[in-house]
Amino acid sequence: MEIQELVLIQIMNQILEVGIDSGYESNTGNNLGSYPNPFTNQTKLTFNASVSSMAHLRITNVMGQVVWSKEVNVNAGENIVTWDGISNKGNDVQSGLYIVELFISNELQATTKLLKSK
């Protein structure tokens, strides 16, 4: 990782008080996380679900604009969804901080942060 990227991670951690290194932050017991984080080409979004159901994953930039969203069938237990860093419009997203939200039954279950680097 380049020095500029490390400095960017430090600044964003301080400003937003997030733990990018762990990749795990949850509002419930869903343990929404990602690996690798920071990522360059793709990242795996991981989370637990208590029952099989439909879920909605949404990724927004720091300005709140939705860059990617997906409806997925989830199983009870651990689930993994791969995101390739491509927006819903088919463009490679820019380097920066992104927010991942997990909705189950139309209710926000968990959030985490992603850092896309070059």
Protein backbone atom coordinates (compact mmCIF):
# COMPACT_ATOMS: atom_id res chain seq x y z
CA MET A 1 0.00 0.00 0.00
CA GLU A 2 1.30 3.46 -0.86
CA ILE A 3 1.97 6.08 1.80
CA GLN A 4 -0.78 8.32 0.38
CA GLU A 5 -3.34 5.52 0.84
CA LEU A 6 -2.20 4.89 4.42
CA VAL A 7 -2.50 8.59 5.22
CA LEU A 8 -5.99 8.63 3.67
CA ILE A 9 -7.01 5.68 5.86
CA GLN A 10 -5.69 7.43 8.98
CA ILE A 11 -7.48 10.68 8.16
CA MET A 12 -10.78 8.95 7.41
CA ASN A 13 -10.53 6.87 10.59
CA GLN A 14 -9.98 10.02 12.64
CA ILE A 15 -12.70 12.07 10.98
CA LEU A 16 -15.36 9.37 10.87
CA GLU A 17 -14.15 7.38 13.90
CA VAL A 18 -14.43 4.04 12.10
CA GLY A 19 -12.45 0.86 12.42
CA ILE A 20 -11.56 0.13 8.81
CA ASP A 21 -8.98 -2.43 9.91
CA SER A 22 -11.49 -4.76 11.56
CA GLY A 23 -14.10 -4.53 8.83
CA TYR A 24 -16.79 -5.43 11.37
CA GLU A 25 -19.35 -3.04 12.69
CA SER A 26 -22.91 -4.03 13.47
CA ASN A 27 -26.12 -2.56 14.82
CA THR A 28 -27.40 -6.06 15.66
CA GLY A 29 -25.90 -9.54 15.76
CA ASN A 30 -25.54 -9.69 11.99
CA ASN A 31 -21.76 -9.04 12.01
CA LEU A 32 -21.70 -7.27 8.65
CA GLY A 33 -18.13 -7.03 7.45
CA SER A 34 -15.93 -7.20 4.40
CA TYR A 35 -12.68 -8.78 3.37
CA PRO A 36 -10.34 -7.47 2.17
CA ASN A 37 -10.86 -3.98 3.49
CA PRO A 38 -9.33 -1.76 2.09
CA PHE A 39 -9.84 -3.41 -1.30
CA THR A 40 -8.73 -2.72 -4.87
CA ASN A 41 -10.69 -4.99 -7.23
CA GLN A 42 -13.32 -6.79 -5.18
CA THR A 43 -14.42 -7.43 -1.63
CA LYS A 44 -16.58 -10.07 0.02
CA LEU A 45 -19.44 -8.75 2.15
CA THR A 46 -20.13 -11.19 4.96
CA PHE A 47 -23.03 -11.28 7.39
CA ASN A 48 -25.13 -13.61 9.49
CA ALA A 49 -28.89 -14.02 9.21
CA SER A 50 -31.09 -15.65 11.83
CA VAL A 51 -33.55 -17.02 9.24
CA SER A 52 -33.69 -17.58 5.50
CA SER A 53 -35.21 -14.53 3.79
CA MET A 54 -34.66 -11.77 1.24
CA ALA A 55 -32.09 -9.13 2.06
CA HIS A 56 -31.08 -5.87 0.43
CA LEU A 57 -27.48 -4.69 0.38
CA ARG A 58 -26.86 -1.04 -0.44
CA ILE A 59 -23.54 0.75 -0.87
CA THR A 60 -23.42 4.55 -0.80
CA ASN A 61 -20.62 7.05 -1.13
CA VAL A 62 -19.93 9.55 1.66
CA MET A 63 -22.36 12.00 0.02
CA GLY A 64 -25.19 9.47 0.47
CA GLN A 65 -25.52 8.62 -3.22
CA VAL A 66 -26.30 4.96 -3.90
CA VAL A 67 -23.55 3.47 -6.05
CA TRP A 68 -24.58 -0.20 -5.84
CA SER A 69 -27.49 -2.20 -4.51
CA LYS A 70 -28.57 -5.81 -4.71
CA GLU A 71 -31.44 -7.99 -3.54
CA VAL A 72 -30.21 -11.38 -2.35
CA ASN A 73 -31.74 -14.56 -1.00
CA VAL A 74 -30.02 -15.29 2.30
CA ASN A 75 -29.81 -18.47 4.31
CA ALA A 76 -29.87 -18.77 8.06
CA GLY A 77 -26.25 -18.53 9.17
CA GLU A 78 -23.29 -17.00 7.37
CA ASN A 79 -23.78 -15.40 3.96
CA ILE A 80 -21.19 -14.01 1.54
CA VAL A 81 -21.84 -11.60 -1.34
CA THR A 82 -18.98 -10.46 -3.58
CA TRP A 83 -18.86 -6.87 -4.82
CA ASP A 84 -16.50 -6.12 -7.69
CA GLY A 85 -16.32 -2.36 -7.13
CA ILE A 86 -18.56 -1.70 -10.14
CA SER A 87 -21.50 0.68 -9.73
CA ASN A 88 -25.07 -0.09 -10.80
CA LYS A 89 -24.31 2.06 -13.87
CA GLY A 90 -21.44 -0.26 -14.85
CA ASN A 91 -18.59 2.10 -13.88
CA ASP A 92 -15.60 1.27 -11.71
CA VAL A 93 -16.12 3.28 -8.50
CA GLN A 94 -13.48 5.80 -7.46
CA SER A 95 -11.07 5.28 -4.59
CA GLY A 96 -12.63 6.43 -1.34
CA LEU A 97 -14.85 5.57 1.58
CA TYR A 98 -18.17 3.77 1.09
CA ILE A 99 -20.94 2.80 3.50
CA VAL A 100 -22.56 -0.65 3.30
CA GLU A 101 -26.06 -1.13 4.69
CA LEU A 102 -27.82 -4.45 5.21
CA PHE A 103 -31.63 -4.47 5.21
CA ILE A 104 -33.69 -7.53 6.09
CA SER A 105 -37.49 -7.28 5.99
CA ASN A 106 -37.07 -3.62 5.00
CA GLU A 107 -35.34 -2.83 8.30
CA LEU A 108 -31.75 -1.67 8.62
CA GLN A 109 -29.89 -4.49 10.36
CA ALA A 110 -26.23 -3.49 10.15
CA THR A 111 -23.74 -1.08 8.60
CA THR A 112 -20.03 -1.12 7.92
CA LYS A 113 -17.51 0.97 6.02
CA LEU A 114 -15.41 0.03 2.98
CA LEU A 115 -12.32 1.73 1.69
CA LYS A 116 -11.59 1.38 -2.03
CA SER A 117 -7.95 2.01 -2.90
CA LYS A 118 -6.15 2.09 -6.23
